[in-house]
């Protein structure tokens, strides 16, 4: 019985440590590099794609992968690429400067 209690405490301790590490990893890997919630509003024109729009507004000094930036813009706006239409206003995140 004592061994079971000891093993339970050790297991609980390790689970606790893992949870703490995961929360720090999420923060350190930039779960959201745009925490400031600053946006540029952009009016979509005929023929625009997320790639075109994001490549014009992405900060290449801090972002290295345009696909991740595009995914973030899609996530913020809730508009899938096939639903992007001329005249829509989309938000593009900007970094604190």
Protein backbone atom coordinates (compact mmCIF):
# COMPACT_ATOMS: atom_id res chain seq x y z
CA UNK A 1 0.00 0.00 0.00
CA UNK A 2 2.84 2.39 0.86
CA UNK A 3 4.47 1.62 -2.45
CA UNK A 4 1.24 2.45 -4.31
CA UNK A 5 0.96 5.80 -2.52
CA UNK A 6 4.61 6.57 -3.23
CA UNK A 7 4.23 5.71 -6.93
CA UNK A 8 1.05 7.80 -7.12
CA UNK A 9 2.83 10.80 -5.64
CA UNK A 10 5.81 10.41 -7.98
CA UNK A 11 3.52 10.09 -11.01
CA UNK A 12 1.51 13.14 -9.94
CA UNK A 13 4.71 15.12 -9.50
CA UNK A 14 5.97 14.21 -12.99
CA UNK A 15 2.62 15.08 -14.57
CA UNK A 16 2.71 18.43 -12.80
CA UNK A 17 6.25 19.13 -14.06
CA UNK A 18 5.27 18.18 -17.62
CA UNK A 19 2.26 20.52 -17.54
CA UNK A 20 4.41 23.40 -16.31
CA UNK A 21 6.98 22.77 -19.05
CA UNK A 22 4.31 22.64 -21.72
CA UNK A 23 2.86 25.96 -20.62
CA UNK A 24 6.31 27.59 -20.76
CA UNK A 25 7.01 26.06 -24.15
CA UNK A 26 3.79 27.48 -25.53
CA UNK A 27 4.76 30.96 -24.37
CA UNK A 28 8.37 30.74 -25.50
CA UNK A 29 7.56 29.40 -28.96
CA UNK A 30 5.27 32.34 -29.62
CA UNK A 31 1.80 30.90 -29.32
CA UNK A 32 0.80 34.33 -30.47
CA UNK A 33 3.49 36.76 -31.61
CA UNK A 34 0.81 39.38 -32.10
CA UNK A 35 -0.47 39.65 -28.54
CA UNK A 36 -0.88 43.39 -28.88
CA UNK A 37 -3.92 42.83 -31.12
CA UNK A 38 -2.87 45.61 -33.46
CA UNK A 39 -4.16 45.18 -36.97
CA UNK A 40 -4.11 46.81 -40.37
CA UNK A 41 -7.43 46.69 -42.19
CA UNK A 42 -7.06 45.76 -45.83
CA UNK A 43 -9.73 45.86 -48.54
CA UNK A 44 -9.50 42.82 -50.79
CA UNK A 45 -9.32 43.51 -54.52
CA UNK A 46 -10.28 41.19 -57.38
CA UNK A 47 -7.56 38.59 -57.89
CA UNK A 48 -5.99 39.06 -54.46
CA UNK A 49 -4.81 35.96 -52.63
CA UNK A 50 -3.73 35.55 -49.05
CA UNK A 51 -0.21 34.93 -50.32
CA UNK A 52 -0.14 38.27 -52.18
CA UNK A 53 -1.63 40.21 -49.29
CA UNK A 54 0.49 38.61 -46.58
CA UNK A 55 3.73 38.91 -48.52
CA UNK A 56 3.11 42.66 -48.78
CA UNK A 57 2.45 43.11 -45.04
CA UNK A 58 4.54 40.40 -43.37
CA UNK A 59 7.50 41.48 -41.25
CA UNK A 60 10.22 39.28 -42.72
CA UNK A 61 12.61 40.21 -39.89
CA UNK A 62 10.47 38.46 -37.27
CA UNK A 63 8.54 35.95 -39.38
CA UNK A 64 10.42 33.44 -41.47
CA UNK A 65 7.59 31.29 -42.86
CA UNK A 66 4.89 33.08 -44.83
CA UNK A 67 2.63 30.04 -44.58
CA UNK A 68 2.41 30.44 -40.80
CA UNK A 69 1.59 34.13 -41.22
CA UNK A 70 -1.09 33.31 -43.81
CA UNK A 71 -2.61 30.75 -41.45
CA UNK A 72 -2.70 33.38 -38.68
CA UNK A 73 -4.49 35.87 -40.96
CA UNK A 74 -7.01 33.19 -41.97
CA UNK A 75 -7.54 32.31 -38.31
CA UNK A 76 -8.07 35.95 -37.29
CA UNK A 77 -10.57 36.66 -40.06
CA UNK A 78 -12.34 33.32 -40.27
CA UNK A 79 -12.37 33.52 -44.07
CA UNK A 80 -11.02 30.51 -45.94
CA UNK A 81 -8.92 31.22 -49.07
CA UNK A 82 -11.67 30.04 -51.41
CA UNK A 83 -14.12 32.46 -49.73
CA UNK A 84 -11.89 35.54 -50.12
CA UNK A 85 -13.81 38.05 -52.26
CA UNK A 86 -13.22 41.55 -53.60
CA UNK A 87 -14.58 44.23 -51.30
CA UNK A 88 -14.08 42.30 -48.08
CA UNK A 89 -12.16 43.97 -45.29
CA UNK A 90 -9.66 41.70 -43.56
CA UNK A 91 -7.46 42.32 -40.56
CA UNK A 92 -3.72 41.76 -40.85
CA UNK A 93 -1.78 41.57 -37.57
CA UNK A 94 1.16 43.85 -37.01
CA UNK A 95 3.92 43.61 -34.43
CA UNK A 96 4.50 46.14 -31.69
CA UNK A 97 7.08 48.52 -33.00
